[in-house]
Amino acid sequence: MDKRVLLGCIAALSVLLLGGMAAQLAGSDGGGSQILSSPLGRVPIGDVLMVLLAMAVGGAIARRKFRAIAVLMVLIVWLAILTVLVAMIAPDSPPPMASLPAMLKYNGAAIVLTLFAAWLGATLGETLANRRNKTAAS
C-alpha cells in the first residue's frame, strides 16, 4: 500500500472519530433533529455528511486509489456495528432490533447512503487534489 493511501486512511478515520466526538460534545444526541425517516429506513444526515467529509479529506491526501478503500472502511465499520447489535439481541428487544434482517431493514438506507457518501467523498477528494497538483505544476 502506498504511503499516501495509508495516510489518507488514517486521516479519514481520524476525521470520523473527531467528528463523532465533536458532535457528542456539542450535544447531538442522535435524536430526531438530524434523522430523516424514509420508506427504506432511517437516514442519519449528520453521519452521512461526516462520512462524505472524512473520505474527501482521505481522498485528497491519498490522491489516487482511495475510492475502494474508503468504501471498504465504511463497510467494516457497519459490519462492526451490526456484529455488536446482533450480540446484544435479547428476547425483549424492540422490533427493529429483534433480528439481523430487522436490523438490516431498519438501517438499510443509512448503510447504502454512507457507502455512497464514502465513494463520493473519496472521488471529490481525489479530484480536488489532482486539480490542485495540475495547477501547481503549470
N, C-alpha and C. Protein backbone atom coordinates (compact mmCIF):
# COMPACT_ATOMS: atom_id res chain seq x y z
N MET A 1 0.85 -1.17 0.00
CA MET A 1 0.00 0.00 0.00
C MET A 1 0.90 1.24 0.00
N ASP A 2 0.54 2.18 -0.83
CA ASP A 2 1.25 3.45 -0.94
C ASP A 2 1.14 4.23 0.38
N LYS A 3 2.20 4.96 0.73
CA LYS A 3 2.18 5.73 1.98
C LYS A 3 1.09 6.80 1.97
N ARG A 4 0.85 7.41 0.82
CA ARG A 4 -0.19 8.44 0.74
C ARG A 4 -1.57 7.83 1.00
N VAL A 5 -1.79 6.64 0.49
CA VAL A 5 -3.08 5.97 0.71
C VAL A 5 -3.24 5.63 2.20
N LEU A 6 -2.17 5.14 2.81
CA LEU A 6 -2.21 4.84 4.24
C LEU A 6 -2.48 6.10 5.05
N LEU A 7 -1.82 7.20 4.71
CA LEU A 7 -2.06 8.47 5.39
C LEU A 7 -3.50 8.95 5.17
N GLY A 8 -4.02 8.72 3.97
CA GLY A 8 -5.42 9.07 3.69
C GLY A 8 -6.38 8.28 4.56
N CYS A 9 -6.09 6.99 4.75
CA CYS A 9 -6.92 6.14 5.62
C CYS A 9 -6.88 6.65 7.06
N ILE A 10 -5.69 6.95 7.54
CA ILE A 10 -5.54 7.44 8.91
C ILE A 10 -6.28 8.76 9.08
N ALA A 11 -6.13 9.65 8.10
CA ALA A 11 -6.80 10.95 8.18
C ALA A 11 -8.31 10.80 8.14
N ALA A 12 -8.82 9.94 7.25
CA ALA A 12 -10.27 9.75 7.14
C ALA A 12 -10.85 9.19 8.44
N LEU A 13 -10.20 8.18 8.99
CA LEU A 13 -10.70 7.60 10.24
C LEU A 13 -10.58 8.60 11.39
N SER A 14 -9.54 9.43 11.38
CA SER A 14 -9.38 10.46 12.42
C SER A 14 -10.50 11.49 12.33
N VAL A 15 -10.82 11.92 11.11
CA VAL A 15 -11.90 12.89 10.93
C VAL A 15 -13.23 12.29 11.38
N LEU A 16 -13.47 11.02 11.06
CA LEU A 16 -14.69 10.36 11.52
C LEU A 16 -14.76 10.32 13.05
N LEU A 17 -13.65 9.94 13.67
CA LEU A 17 -13.62 9.85 15.13
C LEU A 17 -13.78 11.22 15.77
N LEU A 18 -13.01 12.20 15.31
CA LEU A 18 -13.09 13.54 15.89
C LEU A 18 -14.45 14.19 15.62
N GLY A 19 -15.01 13.94 14.45
CA GLY A 19 -16.34 14.47 14.14
C GLY A 19 -17.41 13.89 15.05
N GLY A 20 -17.33 12.60 15.31
CA GLY A 20 -18.27 11.97 16.23
C GLY A 20 -18.12 12.50 17.64
N MET A 21 -16.87 12.68 18.07
CA MET A 21 -16.64 13.23 19.41
C MET A 21 -17.13 14.67 19.50
N ALA A 22 -16.89 15.46 18.46
CA ALA A 22 -17.34 16.86 18.47
C ALA A 22 -18.87 16.94 18.50
N ALA A 23 -19.52 16.07 17.75
CA ALA A 23 -20.99 16.05 17.76
C ALA A 23 -21.51 15.65 19.13
N GLN A 24 -20.85 14.70 19.76
CA GLN A 24 -21.25 14.27 21.10
C GLN A 24 -21.07 15.40 22.11
N LEU A 25 -19.93 16.10 22.04
CA LEU A 25 -19.67 17.20 22.96
C LEU A 25 -20.60 18.39 22.71
N ALA A 26 -21.01 18.57 21.46
CA ALA A 26 -21.91 19.67 21.12
C ALA A 26 -23.35 19.38 21.54
N GLY A 27 -23.59 18.18 22.00
CA GLY A 27 -24.92 17.85 22.49
C GLY A 27 -25.81 17.14 21.48
N SER A 28 -25.24 16.69 20.37
CA SER A 28 -26.03 15.94 19.40
C SER A 28 -26.30 14.56 19.99
N ASP A 29 -27.53 14.31 20.31
CA ASP A 29 -27.89 13.04 20.94
C ASP A 29 -28.39 12.00 19.94
N GLY A 30 -28.30 12.31 18.65
CA GLY A 30 -28.80 11.39 17.65
C GLY A 30 -30.32 11.36 17.61
N GLY A 31 -30.94 12.36 18.19
CA GLY A 31 -32.40 12.45 18.21
C GLY A 31 -32.96 12.72 16.84
N GLY A 32 -34.23 13.03 16.80
CA GLY A 32 -34.93 13.20 15.54
C GLY A 32 -34.51 14.39 14.71
N SER A 33 -33.70 15.30 15.26
CA SER A 33 -33.37 16.52 14.52
C SER A 33 -32.54 16.25 13.28
N GLN A 34 -31.67 15.26 13.30
CA GLN A 34 -30.83 15.01 12.14
C GLN A 34 -31.14 13.67 11.46
N ILE A 35 -32.22 13.04 11.83
CA ILE A 35 -32.58 11.75 11.24
C ILE A 35 -33.85 11.90 10.41
N LEU A 36 -33.74 11.50 9.15
CA LEU A 36 -34.91 11.50 8.27
C LEU A 36 -35.45 10.09 8.19
N SER A 37 -36.74 9.97 8.26
CA SER A 37 -37.37 8.66 8.09
C SER A 37 -37.84 8.53 6.65
N SER A 38 -37.50 7.42 6.05
CA SER A 38 -37.92 7.16 4.68
C SER A 38 -38.55 5.77 4.64
N PRO A 39 -39.22 5.44 3.55
CA PRO A 39 -39.80 4.09 3.44
C PRO A 39 -38.73 3.00 3.47
N LEU A 40 -37.49 3.36 3.13
CA LEU A 40 -36.41 2.37 3.13
C LEU A 40 -35.68 2.29 4.46
N GLY A 41 -36.04 3.12 5.42
CA GLY A 41 -35.38 3.11 6.72
C GLY A 41 -35.02 4.51 7.16
N ARG A 42 -34.33 4.60 8.29
CA ARG A 42 -33.94 5.91 8.80
C ARG A 42 -32.59 6.32 8.23
N VAL A 43 -32.41 7.63 8.06
CA VAL A 43 -31.18 8.16 7.47
C VAL A 43 -30.62 9.24 8.39
N PRO A 44 -29.48 8.97 9.04
CA PRO A 44 -28.85 9.99 9.88
C PRO A 44 -28.03 10.94 9.00
N ILE A 45 -28.60 12.09 8.69
CA ILE A 45 -27.98 13.04 7.77
C ILE A 45 -26.60 13.48 8.25
N GLY A 46 -26.47 13.76 9.54
CA GLY A 46 -25.18 14.20 10.08
C GLY A 46 -24.09 13.16 9.87
N ASP A 47 -24.42 11.89 10.06
CA ASP A 47 -23.43 10.82 9.87
C ASP A 47 -23.04 10.68 8.40
N VAL A 48 -24.02 10.80 7.52
CA VAL A 48 -23.73 10.70 6.08
C VAL A 48 -22.81 11.85 5.65
N LEU A 49 -23.10 13.06 6.12
CA LEU A 49 -22.25 14.21 5.77
C LEU A 49 -20.85 14.08 6.38
N MET A 50 -20.75 13.52 7.58
CA MET A 50 -19.44 13.33 8.21
C MET A 50 -18.62 12.31 7.43
N VAL A 51 -19.25 11.25 6.95
CA VAL A 51 -18.55 10.26 6.12
C VAL A 51 -18.07 10.91 4.83
N LEU A 52 -18.94 11.72 4.21
CA LEU A 52 -18.56 12.43 2.98
C LEU A 52 -17.33 13.31 3.22
N LEU A 53 -17.35 14.09 4.28
CA LEU A 53 -16.23 14.98 4.59
C LEU A 53 -14.96 14.19 4.91
N ALA A 54 -15.07 13.16 5.73
CA ALA A 54 -13.91 12.37 6.12
C ALA A 54 -13.25 11.70 4.92
N MET A 55 -14.05 11.14 4.04
CA MET A 55 -13.48 10.45 2.88
C MET A 55 -12.95 11.44 1.85
N ALA A 56 -13.51 12.65 1.81
CA ALA A 56 -12.95 13.69 0.94
C ALA A 56 -11.56 14.08 1.43
N VAL A 57 -11.40 14.20 2.73
CA VAL A 57 -10.07 14.51 3.29
C VAL A 57 -9.11 13.36 2.98
N GLY A 58 -9.55 12.13 3.20
CA GLY A 58 -8.71 10.98 2.90
C GLY A 58 -8.35 10.89 1.43
N GLY A 59 -9.33 11.15 0.55
CA GLY A 59 -9.07 11.12 -0.89
C GLY A 59 -8.12 12.21 -1.33
N ALA A 60 -8.23 13.38 -0.71
CA ALA A 60 -7.33 14.49 -1.06
C ALA A 60 -5.90 14.17 -0.66
N ILE A 61 -5.73 13.49 0.45
CA ILE A 61 -4.38 13.13 0.89
C ILE A 61 -3.84 11.98 0.04
N ALA A 62 -4.66 10.97 -0.21
CA ALA A 62 -4.20 9.81 -0.98
C ALA A 62 -3.98 10.14 -2.45
N ARG A 63 -4.82 10.98 -3.02
CA ARG A 63 -4.78 11.42 -4.42
C ARG A 63 -5.18 10.37 -5.43
N ARG A 64 -5.04 9.11 -5.13
CA ARG A 64 -5.43 8.06 -6.08
C ARG A 64 -5.63 6.75 -5.32
N LYS A 65 -6.36 5.84 -5.93
CA LYS A 65 -6.59 4.51 -5.39
C LYS A 65 -7.23 4.52 -4.00
N PHE A 66 -8.10 5.48 -3.72
CA PHE A 66 -8.68 5.56 -2.39
C PHE A 66 -10.17 5.21 -2.37
N ARG A 67 -10.83 5.24 -3.50
CA ARG A 67 -12.29 5.03 -3.52
C ARG A 67 -12.70 3.69 -2.95
N ALA A 68 -12.10 2.63 -3.44
CA ALA A 68 -12.47 1.29 -2.96
C ALA A 68 -12.12 1.13 -1.48
N ILE A 69 -11.00 1.70 -1.08
CA ILE A 69 -10.59 1.60 0.32
C ILE A 69 -11.56 2.37 1.22
N ALA A 70 -12.01 3.53 0.75
CA ALA A 70 -12.97 4.33 1.53
C ALA A 70 -14.26 3.55 1.75
N VAL A 71 -14.76 2.94 0.69
CA VAL A 71 -16.00 2.15 0.80
C VAL A 71 -15.76 0.95 1.72
N LEU A 72 -14.61 0.31 1.59
CA LEU A 72 -14.28 -0.84 2.43
C LEU A 72 -14.19 -0.45 3.91
N MET A 73 -13.60 0.71 4.19
CA MET A 73 -13.51 1.17 5.59
C MET A 73 -14.90 1.37 6.19
N VAL A 74 -15.79 2.01 5.44
CA VAL A 74 -17.15 2.24 5.95
C VAL A 74 -17.90 0.92 6.09
N LEU A 75 -17.69 0.00 5.16
CA LEU A 75 -18.32 -1.31 5.25
C LEU A 75 -17.85 -2.05 6.50
N ILE A 76 -16.57 -1.97 6.81
CA ILE A 76 -16.04 -2.62 8.01
C ILE A 76 -16.65 -2.00 9.27
N VAL A 77 -16.81 -0.68 9.28
CA VAL A 77 -17.44 -0.03 10.43
C VAL A 77 -18.88 -0.53 10.59
N TRP A 78 -19.62 -0.62 9.48
CA TRP A 78 -21.00 -1.11 9.57
C TRP A 78 -21.05 -2.56 10.03
N LEU A 79 -20.11 -3.39 9.55
CA LEU A 79 -20.07 -4.79 10.00
C LEU A 79 -19.81 -4.87 11.50
N ALA A 80 -18.93 -4.01 12.00
CA ALA A 80 -18.66 -3.98 13.45
C ALA A 80 -19.92 -3.56 14.22
N ILE A 81 -20.60 -2.54 13.73
CA ILE A 81 -21.83 -2.08 14.39
C ILE A 81 -22.87 -3.19 14.42
N LEU A 82 -23.10 -3.82 13.27
CA LEU A 82 -24.11 -4.88 13.21
C LEU A 82 -23.72 -6.09 14.06
N THR A 83 -22.42 -6.40 14.13
CA THR A 83 -21.97 -7.51 14.97
C THR A 83 -22.28 -7.24 16.43
N VAL A 84 -22.01 -6.03 16.89
CA VAL A 84 -22.32 -5.67 18.28
C VAL A 84 -23.83 -5.72 18.52
N LEU A 85 -24.61 -5.20 17.58
CA LEU A 85 -26.07 -5.22 17.75
C LEU A 85 -26.62 -6.63 17.79
N VAL A 86 -26.09 -7.51 16.93
CA VAL A 86 -26.55 -8.91 16.93
C VAL A 86 -26.18 -9.58 18.25
N ALA A 87 -25.01 -9.26 18.78
CA ALA A 87 -24.59 -9.86 20.05
C ALA A 87 -25.47 -9.40 21.21
N MET A 88 -26.13 -8.27 21.05
CA MET A 88 -26.97 -7.73 22.13
C MET A 88 -28.44 -8.11 22.00
N ILE A 89 -28.80 -8.91 21.00
CA ILE A 89 -30.21 -9.29 20.83
C ILE A 89 -30.68 -10.04 22.07
N ALA A 90 -31.80 -9.61 22.58
CA ALA A 90 -32.42 -10.25 23.74
C ALA A 90 -33.88 -10.53 23.42
N PRO A 91 -34.51 -11.42 24.17
CA PRO A 91 -35.92 -11.71 23.90
C PRO A 91 -36.83 -10.49 23.97
N ASP A 92 -36.45 -9.49 24.76
CA ASP A 92 -37.30 -8.31 24.89
C ASP A 92 -36.82 -7.14 24.03
N SER A 93 -36.01 -7.41 23.01
CA SER A 93 -35.51 -6.35 22.12
C SER A 93 -36.67 -5.73 21.34
N PRO A 94 -36.59 -4.41 21.07
CA PRO A 94 -37.64 -3.77 20.26
C PRO A 94 -37.65 -4.35 18.84
N PRO A 95 -38.78 -4.30 18.14
CA PRO A 95 -38.90 -4.92 16.82
C PRO A 95 -37.79 -4.57 15.82
N PRO A 96 -37.33 -3.30 15.72
CA PRO A 96 -36.29 -3.05 14.73
C PRO A 96 -34.95 -3.71 15.06
N MET A 97 -34.79 -4.16 16.29
CA MET A 97 -33.52 -4.74 16.70
C MET A 97 -33.65 -6.19 17.16
N ALA A 98 -34.72 -6.86 16.76
CA ALA A 98 -35.00 -8.21 17.24
C ALA A 98 -34.26 -9.29 16.46
N SER A 99 -33.80 -8.98 15.25
CA SER A 99 -33.09 -9.96 14.44
C SER A 99 -32.21 -9.24 13.43
N LEU A 100 -31.29 -9.97 12.84
CA LEU A 100 -30.40 -9.35 11.84
C LEU A 100 -31.19 -8.82 10.64
N PRO A 101 -32.14 -9.57 10.07
CA PRO A 101 -32.92 -9.00 8.96
C PRO A 101 -33.66 -7.72 9.35
N ALA A 102 -34.19 -7.67 10.57
CA ALA A 102 -34.88 -6.46 11.02
C ALA A 102 -33.90 -5.29 11.14
N MET A 103 -32.69 -5.57 11.62
CA MET A 103 -31.67 -4.52 11.73
C MET A 103 -31.27 -4.01 10.35
N LEU A 104 -31.11 -4.93 9.41
CA LEU A 104 -30.74 -4.52 8.05
C LEU A 104 -31.85 -3.70 7.41
N LYS A 105 -33.10 -4.06 7.68
CA LYS A 105 -34.22 -3.29 7.14
C LYS A 105 -34.26 -1.90 7.77
N TYR A 106 -34.05 -1.83 9.08
CA TYR A 106 -34.09 -0.57 9.81
C TYR A 106 -32.94 0.36 9.40
N ASN A 107 -31.76 -0.20 9.18
CA ASN A 107 -30.57 0.59 8.87
C ASN A 107 -30.18 0.54 7.39
N GLY A 108 -30.97 -0.10 6.56
CA GLY A 108 -30.60 -0.30 5.16
C GLY A 108 -30.29 0.97 4.40
N ALA A 109 -31.15 1.96 4.51
CA ALA A 109 -30.92 3.22 3.80
C ALA A 109 -29.67 3.91 4.31
N ALA A 110 -29.44 3.88 5.62
CA ALA A 110 -28.25 4.50 6.19
C ALA A 110 -26.98 3.80 5.69
N ILE A 111 -27.02 2.49 5.62
CA ILE A 111 -25.85 1.74 5.15
C ILE A 111 -25.54 2.11 3.70
N VAL A 112 -26.55 2.07 2.85
CA VAL A 112 -26.35 2.37 1.43
C VAL A 112 -25.87 3.81 1.24
N LEU A 113 -26.50 4.75 1.93
CA LEU A 113 -26.12 6.16 1.76
C LEU A 113 -24.73 6.46 2.31
N THR A 114 -24.32 5.84 3.41
CA THR A 114 -22.97 6.09 3.90
C THR A 114 -21.92 5.44 2.99
N LEU A 115 -22.24 4.30 2.41
CA LEU A 115 -21.31 3.70 1.45
C LEU A 115 -21.18 4.58 0.21
N PHE A 116 -22.31 5.12 -0.27
CA PHE A 116 -22.26 6.03 -1.41
C PHE A 116 -21.52 7.31 -1.05
N ALA A 117 -21.75 7.83 0.15
CA ALA A 117 -21.06 9.05 0.60
C ALA A 117 -19.55 8.81 0.69
N ALA A 118 -19.14 7.62 1.10
CA ALA A 118 -17.71 7.30 1.16
C ALA A 118 -17.11 7.33 -0.24
N TRP A 119 -17.79 6.70 -1.19
CA TRP A 119 -17.28 6.70 -2.57
C TRP A 119 -17.25 8.11 -3.14
N LEU A 120 -18.33 8.86 -2.94
CA LEU A 120 -18.42 10.22 -3.47
C LEU A 120 -17.38 11.13 -2.82
N GLY A 121 -17.22 11.04 -1.52
CA GLY A 121 -16.23 11.86 -0.83
C GLY A 121 -14.82 11.56 -1.29
N ALA A 122 -14.49 10.27 -1.44
CA ALA A 122 -13.16 9.89 -1.92
C ALA A 122 -12.94 10.40 -3.34
N THR A 123 -13.95 10.31 -4.18
CA THR A 123 -13.85 10.81 -5.55
C THR A 123 -13.63 12.31 -5.56
N LEU A 124 -14.40 13.04 -4.76
CA LEU A 124 -14.24 14.50 -4.69
C LEU A 124 -12.85 14.88 -4.19
N GLY A 125 -12.39 14.21 -3.14
CA GLY A 125 -11.07 14.49 -2.59
C GLY A 125 -9.96 14.23 -3.59
N GLU A 126 -10.03 13.09 -4.29
CA GLU A 126 -9.03 12.77 -5.30
C GLU A 126 -9.05 13.80 -6.42
N THR A 127 -10.24 14.16 -6.88
CA THR A 127 -10.37 15.12 -7.98
C THR A 127 -9.81 16.48 -7.59
N LEU A 128 -10.15 16.97 -6.41
CA LEU A 128 -9.64 18.27 -5.97
C LEU A 128 -8.13 18.25 -5.81
N ALA A 129 -7.59 17.18 -5.26
CA ALA A 129 -6.13 17.09 -5.09
C ALA A 129 -5.43 17.04 -6.44
N ASN A 130 -5.98 16.30 -7.39
CA ASN A 130 -5.35 16.20 -8.71
C ASN A 130 -5.44 17.52 -9.46
N ARG A 131 -6.55 18.25 -9.32
CA ARG A 131 -6.65 19.57 -9.96
C ARG A 131 -5.64 20.53 -9.37
N ARG A 132 -5.49 20.49 -8.06
CA ARG A 132 -4.54 21.38 -7.39
C ARG A 132 -3.12 21.07 -7.84
N ASN A 133 -2.80 19.78 -8.02
CA ASN A 133 -1.47 19.40 -8.48
C ASN A 133 -1.22 19.86 -9.91
N LYS A 134 -2.23 19.75 -10.78
CA LYS A 134 -2.08 20.19 -12.16
C LYS A 134 -1.89 21.70 -12.23
N THR A 135 -2.61 22.43 -11.39
CA THR A 135 -2.49 23.89 -11.36
C THR A 135 -1.12 24.29 -10.84
N ALA A 136 -0.62 23.60 -9.83
CA ALA A 136 0.69 23.93 -9.26
C ALA A 136 1.81 23.57 -10.22
N ALA A 137 1.62 22.53 -11.03
CA ALA A 137 2.66 22.10 -11.96
C ALA A 137 2.79 23.03 -13.15
N SER A 138 1.72 23.72 -13.52
CA SER A 138 1.79 24.58 -14.71
C SER A 138 2.16 26.00 -14.39
